[in-house]
């Protein structure tokens, strides 16, 4: 298939495909007519990249999964290098969860303090822009 068809089937743009090609993630095969040509395996690569990016992986983090698929594995995450990236991403997510949990606790404490400052009192008036 040609680049436009691949882009449409993958739900992306030809510009994105050319960028992936320039980064070595998508093969640069050309037919006798000089046009880029792609096959179902390339579509599978793109779907793997998009899924990982939807999960928050940056483009370079998708490389081991792409290489795993290119090596003939039916799934891009069945190679040791892919597992390393998964483990690293999980550690990053755990750190973010811990940070967000801490921030949430701080905001909850601030809310509790603020609510206690006006027990049974009138709701404070907030005037924005001098309207009142």
N, C-alpha and C. Protein backbone atom coordinates (compact mmCIF):
# COMPACT_ATOMS: atom_id res chain seq x y z
N UNK A 1 0.85 -1.18 0.00
CA UNK A 1 0.00 0.00 0.00
C UNK A 1 0.89 1.24 0.00
N UNK A 2 0.33 2.34 -0.42
CA UNK A 2 1.09 3.59 -0.47
C UNK A 2 0.90 4.36 0.83
N UNK A 3 1.67 5.41 0.98
CA UNK A 3 1.72 6.13 2.24
C UNK A 3 0.37 6.72 2.66
N UNK A 4 -0.40 7.22 1.70
CA UNK A 4 -1.71 7.78 2.04
C UNK A 4 -2.66 6.75 2.60
N UNK A 5 -2.67 5.57 2.00
CA UNK A 5 -3.54 4.49 2.48
C UNK A 5 -3.11 4.04 3.86
N UNK A 6 -1.79 3.89 4.08
CA UNK A 6 -1.29 3.48 5.39
C UNK A 6 -1.67 4.51 6.44
N UNK A 7 -1.50 5.77 6.13
CA UNK A 7 -1.85 6.83 7.08
C UNK A 7 -3.32 6.76 7.44
N UNK A 8 -4.17 6.60 6.43
CA UNK A 8 -5.61 6.53 6.67
C UNK A 8 -5.97 5.33 7.53
N UNK A 9 -5.40 4.18 7.22
CA UNK A 9 -5.71 2.96 7.97
C UNK A 9 -5.18 3.02 9.39
N UNK A 10 -4.08 3.74 9.59
CA UNK A 10 -3.48 3.84 10.92
C UNK A 10 -4.07 5.00 11.72
N UNK A 11 -4.86 5.84 11.06
CA UNK A 11 -5.45 6.99 11.76
C UNK A 11 -4.44 8.07 12.07
N UNK A 12 -3.51 8.28 11.15
CA UNK A 12 -2.48 9.30 11.35
C UNK A 12 -2.29 10.06 10.05
N UNK A 13 -1.20 10.80 9.95
CA UNK A 13 -0.94 11.60 8.76
C UNK A 13 0.28 11.09 8.02
N UNK A 14 0.37 11.46 6.75
CA UNK A 14 1.56 11.08 5.98
C UNK A 14 2.79 11.78 6.55
N UNK A 15 2.61 12.97 7.07
CA UNK A 15 3.73 13.70 7.68
C UNK A 15 4.29 12.91 8.88
N UNK A 16 3.39 12.38 9.70
CA UNK A 16 3.83 11.57 10.85
C UNK A 16 4.59 10.34 10.38
N UNK A 17 4.08 9.70 9.32
CA UNK A 17 4.76 8.51 8.80
C UNK A 17 6.15 8.84 8.30
N UNK A 18 6.28 9.97 7.61
CA UNK A 18 7.60 10.38 7.13
C UNK A 18 8.54 10.65 8.31
N UNK A 19 8.00 11.23 9.38
CA UNK A 19 8.81 11.49 10.57
C UNK A 19 9.26 10.16 11.19
N UNK A 20 8.35 9.21 11.32
CA UNK A 20 8.73 7.90 11.85
C UNK A 20 9.80 7.26 10.98
N UNK A 21 9.66 7.42 9.70
CA UNK A 21 10.66 6.90 8.77
C UNK A 21 12.02 7.56 9.02
N UNK A 22 12.01 8.87 9.20
CA UNK A 22 13.27 9.58 9.43
C UNK A 22 13.93 9.17 10.74
N UNK A 23 13.11 8.72 11.71
CA UNK A 23 13.63 8.26 13.00
C UNK A 23 13.99 6.78 12.99
N UNK A 24 13.78 6.12 11.85
CA UNK A 24 14.13 4.72 11.74
C UNK A 24 13.12 3.76 12.34
N UNK A 25 11.93 4.25 12.65
CA UNK A 25 10.90 3.38 13.22
C UNK A 25 10.04 2.71 12.17
N UNK A 26 9.97 3.31 11.01
CA UNK A 26 9.17 2.76 9.92
C UNK A 26 10.11 2.54 8.74
N UNK A 27 10.08 1.36 8.13
CA UNK A 27 11.01 1.09 7.03
C UNK A 27 10.77 2.02 5.84
N UNK A 28 11.84 2.34 5.15
CA UNK A 28 11.78 3.21 3.98
C UNK A 28 11.97 2.36 2.73
N UNK A 29 10.90 1.69 2.34
CA UNK A 29 10.94 0.87 1.12
C UNK A 29 10.29 1.65 -0.01
N UNK A 30 10.86 1.53 -1.18
CA UNK A 30 10.28 2.21 -2.34
C UNK A 30 10.08 1.22 -3.47
N UNK A 31 8.97 1.38 -4.17
CA UNK A 31 8.67 0.53 -5.32
C UNK A 31 9.47 1.00 -6.53
N UNK A 32 9.32 0.30 -7.63
CA UNK A 32 10.01 0.65 -8.87
C UNK A 32 9.64 2.05 -9.34
N UNK A 33 8.44 2.49 -8.98
CA UNK A 33 7.98 3.82 -9.40
C UNK A 33 8.49 4.93 -8.48
N UNK A 34 9.24 4.58 -7.42
CA UNK A 34 9.79 5.56 -6.50
C UNK A 34 8.90 5.89 -5.33
N UNK A 35 7.68 5.38 -5.33
CA UNK A 35 6.75 5.65 -4.23
C UNK A 35 7.07 4.76 -3.04
N UNK A 36 6.83 5.29 -1.84
CA UNK A 36 6.97 4.48 -0.64
C UNK A 36 5.93 3.37 -0.68
N UNK A 37 6.34 2.19 -0.24
CA UNK A 37 5.39 1.07 -0.18
C UNK A 37 5.40 0.47 1.22
N UNK A 38 4.24 0.04 1.65
CA UNK A 38 4.07 -0.51 2.99
C UNK A 38 3.20 -1.75 2.92
N UNK A 39 3.25 -2.53 4.00
CA UNK A 39 2.43 -3.73 4.06
C UNK A 39 1.74 -3.83 5.42
N UNK A 40 1.07 -4.94 5.64
CA UNK A 40 0.31 -5.12 6.89
C UNK A 40 1.22 -5.11 8.11
N UNK A 41 2.46 -5.58 7.96
CA UNK A 41 3.40 -5.54 9.09
C UNK A 41 3.69 -4.11 9.50
N UNK A 42 3.77 -3.20 8.53
CA UNK A 42 4.00 -1.79 8.85
C UNK A 42 2.81 -1.21 9.60
N UNK A 43 1.62 -1.63 9.21
CA UNK A 43 0.42 -1.18 9.91
C UNK A 43 0.45 -1.67 11.36
N UNK A 44 0.90 -2.90 11.56
CA UNK A 44 1.01 -3.45 12.91
C UNK A 44 2.03 -2.65 13.73
N UNK A 45 3.15 -2.27 13.11
CA UNK A 45 4.14 -1.42 13.79
C UNK A 45 3.51 -0.11 14.24
N UNK A 46 2.78 0.50 13.34
CA UNK A 46 2.16 1.79 13.66
C UNK A 46 1.15 1.66 14.79
N UNK A 47 0.38 0.59 14.76
CA UNK A 47 -0.60 0.39 15.84
C UNK A 47 0.10 0.19 17.18
N UNK A 48 1.23 -0.50 17.17
CA UNK A 48 2.00 -0.70 18.40
C UNK A 48 2.50 0.65 18.91
N UNK A 49 3.05 1.47 18.03
CA UNK A 49 3.56 2.79 18.41
C UNK A 49 2.43 3.64 18.99
N UNK A 50 1.30 3.68 18.31
CA UNK A 50 0.18 4.52 18.75
C UNK A 50 -0.35 4.06 20.10
N UNK A 51 -0.47 2.76 20.30
CA UNK A 51 -0.95 2.23 21.58
C UNK A 51 -0.02 2.66 22.71
N UNK A 52 1.27 2.49 22.50
CA UNK A 52 2.24 2.86 23.52
C UNK A 52 2.20 4.37 23.79
N UNK A 53 2.08 5.17 22.75
CA UNK A 53 2.00 6.61 22.94
C UNK A 53 0.73 6.99 23.70
N UNK A 54 -0.36 6.28 23.44
CA UNK A 54 -1.60 6.53 24.19
C UNK A 54 -1.39 6.24 25.68
N UNK A 55 -0.49 5.31 25.99
CA UNK A 55 -0.17 4.97 27.38
C UNK A 55 0.83 5.94 28.00
N UNK A 56 1.33 6.89 27.21
CA UNK A 56 2.27 7.87 27.75
C UNK A 56 3.73 7.60 27.43
N UNK A 57 4.01 6.63 26.58
CA UNK A 57 5.38 6.35 26.18
C UNK A 57 5.80 7.40 25.15
N UNK A 58 7.04 7.89 25.26
CA UNK A 58 7.49 8.81 24.21
C UNK A 58 7.95 7.97 23.01
N UNK A 59 8.15 8.65 21.91
CA UNK A 59 8.44 7.94 20.67
C UNK A 59 9.67 7.05 20.77
N UNK A 60 10.71 7.52 21.40
CA UNK A 60 11.93 6.73 21.50
C UNK A 60 11.71 5.47 22.35
N UNK A 61 10.82 5.55 23.33
CA UNK A 61 10.53 4.39 24.16
C UNK A 61 9.82 3.28 23.38
N UNK A 62 9.27 3.61 22.23
CA UNK A 62 8.59 2.59 21.42
C UNK A 62 9.56 1.75 20.60
N UNK A 63 10.79 2.25 20.46
CA UNK A 63 11.76 1.58 19.58
C UNK A 63 11.97 0.10 19.90
N UNK A 64 12.17 -0.31 21.16
CA UNK A 64 12.36 -1.75 21.42
C UNK A 64 11.17 -2.60 20.99
N UNK A 65 9.97 -2.05 21.10
CA UNK A 65 8.77 -2.80 20.70
C UNK A 65 8.73 -2.96 19.17
N UNK A 66 9.09 -1.88 18.47
CA UNK A 66 9.14 -1.92 17.01
C UNK A 66 10.21 -2.92 16.56
N UNK A 67 11.36 -2.87 17.17
CA UNK A 67 12.44 -3.79 16.80
C UNK A 67 12.06 -5.24 17.09
N UNK A 68 11.31 -5.45 18.15
CA UNK A 68 10.86 -6.79 18.50
C UNK A 68 9.91 -7.32 17.41
N UNK A 69 8.98 -6.48 16.97
CA UNK A 69 8.08 -6.88 15.89
C UNK A 69 8.86 -7.16 14.61
N UNK A 70 9.81 -6.28 14.30
CA UNK A 70 10.61 -6.47 13.08
C UNK A 70 11.44 -7.74 13.12
N UNK A 71 11.79 -8.17 14.33
CA UNK A 71 12.59 -9.40 14.47
C UNK A 71 11.73 -10.64 14.27
N UNK A 72 10.44 -10.44 14.06
CA UNK A 72 9.58 -11.57 13.77
C UNK A 72 8.74 -12.07 14.92
N UNK A 73 8.82 -11.40 16.06
CA UNK A 73 7.98 -11.80 17.19
C UNK A 73 6.55 -11.34 16.93
N UNK A 74 5.57 -12.17 17.28
CA UNK A 74 4.18 -11.81 16.98
C UNK A 74 3.69 -10.61 17.77
N UNK A 75 4.30 -10.36 18.93
CA UNK A 75 3.95 -9.21 19.76
C UNK A 75 5.21 -8.40 20.02
N UNK A 76 5.05 -7.09 20.05
CA UNK A 76 6.20 -6.23 20.23
C UNK A 76 6.73 -6.18 21.64
N UNK A 77 6.01 -6.77 22.57
CA UNK A 77 6.47 -6.70 23.95
C UNK A 77 6.99 -8.04 24.48
N UNK A 78 7.32 -8.94 23.57
CA UNK A 78 7.81 -10.26 24.00
C UNK A 78 9.32 -10.37 24.00
N UNK A 79 10.03 -9.25 23.84
CA UNK A 79 11.49 -9.26 23.84
C UNK A 79 12.02 -8.64 25.13
N UNK A 80 13.21 -9.03 25.57
CA UNK A 80 13.76 -8.50 26.81
C UNK A 80 13.84 -6.96 26.85
N UNK A 81 14.22 -6.33 25.76
CA UNK A 81 14.35 -4.87 25.75
C UNK A 81 12.99 -4.19 25.97
N UNK A 82 11.93 -4.79 25.45
CA UNK A 82 10.59 -4.25 25.66
C UNK A 82 10.19 -4.36 27.13
N UNK A 83 10.54 -5.47 27.74
CA UNK A 83 10.22 -5.66 29.15
C UNK A 83 10.94 -4.64 30.02
N UNK A 84 12.17 -4.31 29.66
CA UNK A 84 12.92 -3.29 30.39
C UNK A 84 12.18 -1.95 30.33
N UNK A 85 11.68 -1.60 29.14
CA UNK A 85 10.96 -0.34 28.99
C UNK A 85 9.67 -0.37 29.81
N UNK A 86 8.95 -1.48 29.79
CA UNK A 86 7.74 -1.61 30.61
C UNK A 86 8.07 -1.38 32.09
N UNK A 87 9.13 -2.03 32.56
CA UNK A 87 9.49 -1.90 33.98
C UNK A 87 9.85 -0.46 34.33
N UNK A 88 10.61 0.19 33.44
CA UNK A 88 11.00 1.58 33.67
C UNK A 88 9.76 2.48 33.69
N UNK A 89 8.83 2.26 32.78
CA UNK A 89 7.61 3.07 32.72
C UNK A 89 6.77 2.85 33.98
N UNK A 90 6.66 1.62 34.43
CA UNK A 90 5.91 1.36 35.66
C UNK A 90 6.53 2.07 36.86
N UNK A 91 7.85 2.09 36.93
CA UNK A 91 8.53 2.80 38.02
C UNK A 91 8.23 4.30 37.94
N UNK A 92 8.24 4.86 36.73
CA UNK A 92 7.90 6.28 36.55
C UNK A 92 6.47 6.55 36.99
N UNK A 93 5.56 5.67 36.60
CA UNK A 93 4.16 5.84 36.98
C UNK A 93 3.97 5.74 38.49
N UNK A 94 4.67 4.79 39.12
CA UNK A 94 4.59 4.67 40.58
C UNK A 94 5.06 5.95 41.26
N UNK A 95 6.15 6.53 40.76
CA UNK A 95 6.66 7.78 41.32
C UNK A 95 5.64 8.90 41.16
N UNK A 96 5.04 9.00 39.99
CA UNK A 96 4.02 10.02 39.75
C UNK A 96 2.81 9.83 40.66
N UNK A 97 2.40 8.59 40.83
CA UNK A 97 1.27 8.31 41.71
C UNK A 97 1.59 8.74 43.14
N UNK A 98 2.80 8.44 43.60
CA UNK A 98 3.21 8.86 44.94
C UNK A 98 3.19 10.38 45.07
N UNK A 99 3.71 11.07 44.06
CA UNK A 99 3.73 12.53 44.10
C UNK A 99 2.31 13.09 44.11
N UNK A 100 1.45 12.55 43.27
CA UNK A 100 0.06 13.03 43.23
C UNK A 100 -0.67 12.72 44.53
N UNK A 101 -0.40 11.58 45.12
CA UNK A 101 -1.02 11.24 46.40
C UNK A 101 -0.60 12.23 47.47
N UNK A 102 0.67 12.63 47.46
CA UNK A 102 1.17 13.61 48.41
C UNK A 102 0.51 14.98 48.20
N UNK A 103 0.44 15.40 46.95
CA UNK A 103 -0.20 16.69 46.64
C UNK A 103 -1.67 16.64 47.04
N UNK A 104 -2.33 15.54 46.77
CA UNK A 104 -3.74 15.41 47.14
C UNK A 104 -3.91 15.56 48.65
N UNK A 105 -3.05 14.91 49.42
CA UNK A 105 -3.12 15.01 50.88
C UNK A 105 -2.93 16.45 51.34
N UNK A 106 -2.00 17.17 50.70
CA UNK A 106 -1.76 18.56 51.06
C UNK A 106 -2.98 19.44 50.74
N UNK A 107 -3.59 19.21 49.59
CA UNK A 107 -4.77 19.99 49.21
C UNK A 107 -5.93 19.67 50.15
N UNK A 108 -6.10 18.41 50.51
CA UNK A 108 -7.15 18.03 51.45
C UNK A 108 -6.94 18.69 52.80
N UNK A 109 -5.69 18.75 53.25
CA UNK A 109 -5.39 19.40 54.52
C UNK A 109 -5.69 20.90 54.44
N UNK A 110 -5.35 21.52 53.34
CA UNK A 110 -5.65 22.95 53.15
C UNK A 110 -7.15 23.19 53.16
N UNK A 111 -7.90 22.32 52.51
CA UNK A 111 -9.35 22.45 52.49
C UNK A 111 -9.92 22.32 53.90
N UNK A 112 -9.46 21.32 54.63
CA UNK A 112 -9.92 21.12 56.01
C UNK A 112 -9.62 22.35 56.86
N UNK A 113 -8.40 22.90 56.71
CA UNK A 113 -8.03 24.10 57.46
C UNK A 113 -8.92 25.28 57.07
N UNK A 114 -9.15 25.45 55.78
CA UNK A 114 -9.96 26.57 55.30
C UNK A 114 -11.40 26.44 55.77
N UNK A 115 -11.95 25.24 55.74
CA UNK A 115 -13.32 25.04 56.19
C UNK A 115 -13.46 25.29 57.69
N UNK A 116 -12.43 24.93 58.44
CA UNK A 116 -12.47 25.12 59.90
C UNK A 116 -12.37 26.60 60.27
N UNK A 117 -11.80 27.41 59.40
CA UNK A 117 -11.62 28.84 59.69
C UNK A 117 -12.94 29.60 59.69
N UNK A 118 -13.97 29.06 59.05
CA UNK A 118 -15.26 29.74 58.99
C UNK A 118 -16.40 28.79 59.38
N UNK A 119 -16.35 28.25 60.60
CA UNK A 119 -17.42 27.31 60.99
C UNK A 119 -18.74 28.04 61.14
N UNK A 120 -19.71 27.61 60.41
CA UNK A 120 -21.04 28.18 60.51
C UNK A 120 -21.15 29.62 60.05
N UNK A 121 -20.05 30.19 59.62
CA UNK A 121 -20.07 31.59 59.18
C UNK A 121 -20.59 31.69 57.76
N UNK A 122 -20.80 32.91 57.33
CA UNK A 122 -21.30 33.09 55.98
C UNK A 122 -20.24 32.70 54.95
N UNK A 123 -20.72 32.30 53.80
CA UNK A 123 -19.80 31.99 52.71
C UNK A 123 -19.04 33.24 52.36
N UNK A 124 -17.73 33.16 52.21
CA UNK A 124 -16.98 34.36 51.83
C UNK A 124 -17.37 34.79 50.42
N UNK A 125 -17.41 36.09 50.24
CA UNK A 125 -17.72 36.61 48.92
C UNK A 125 -16.43 36.81 48.15
N UNK A 126 -16.44 36.30 46.96
CA UNK A 126 -15.29 36.49 46.07
C UNK A 126 -15.73 37.41 44.97
N UNK A 127 -15.07 38.50 44.87
CA UNK A 127 -15.41 39.46 43.82
C UNK A 127 -14.32 39.45 42.78
N UNK A 128 -14.69 39.07 41.60
CA UNK A 128 -13.76 39.03 40.50
C UNK A 128 -13.99 40.25 39.62
N UNK A 129 -12.94 40.91 39.28
CA UNK A 129 -13.03 42.02 38.36
C UNK A 129 -13.77 43.24 38.89
N UNK A 130 -13.95 43.34 40.21
CA UNK A 130 -14.55 44.51 40.80
C UNK A 130 -16.06 44.56 40.68
N UNK A 131 -16.68 43.53 40.16
CA UNK A 131 -18.14 43.51 40.09
C UNK A 131 -18.69 43.15 41.46
N UNK A 132 -19.77 43.76 41.85
CA UNK A 132 -20.16 43.35 43.14
C UNK A 132 -21.47 43.75 43.58
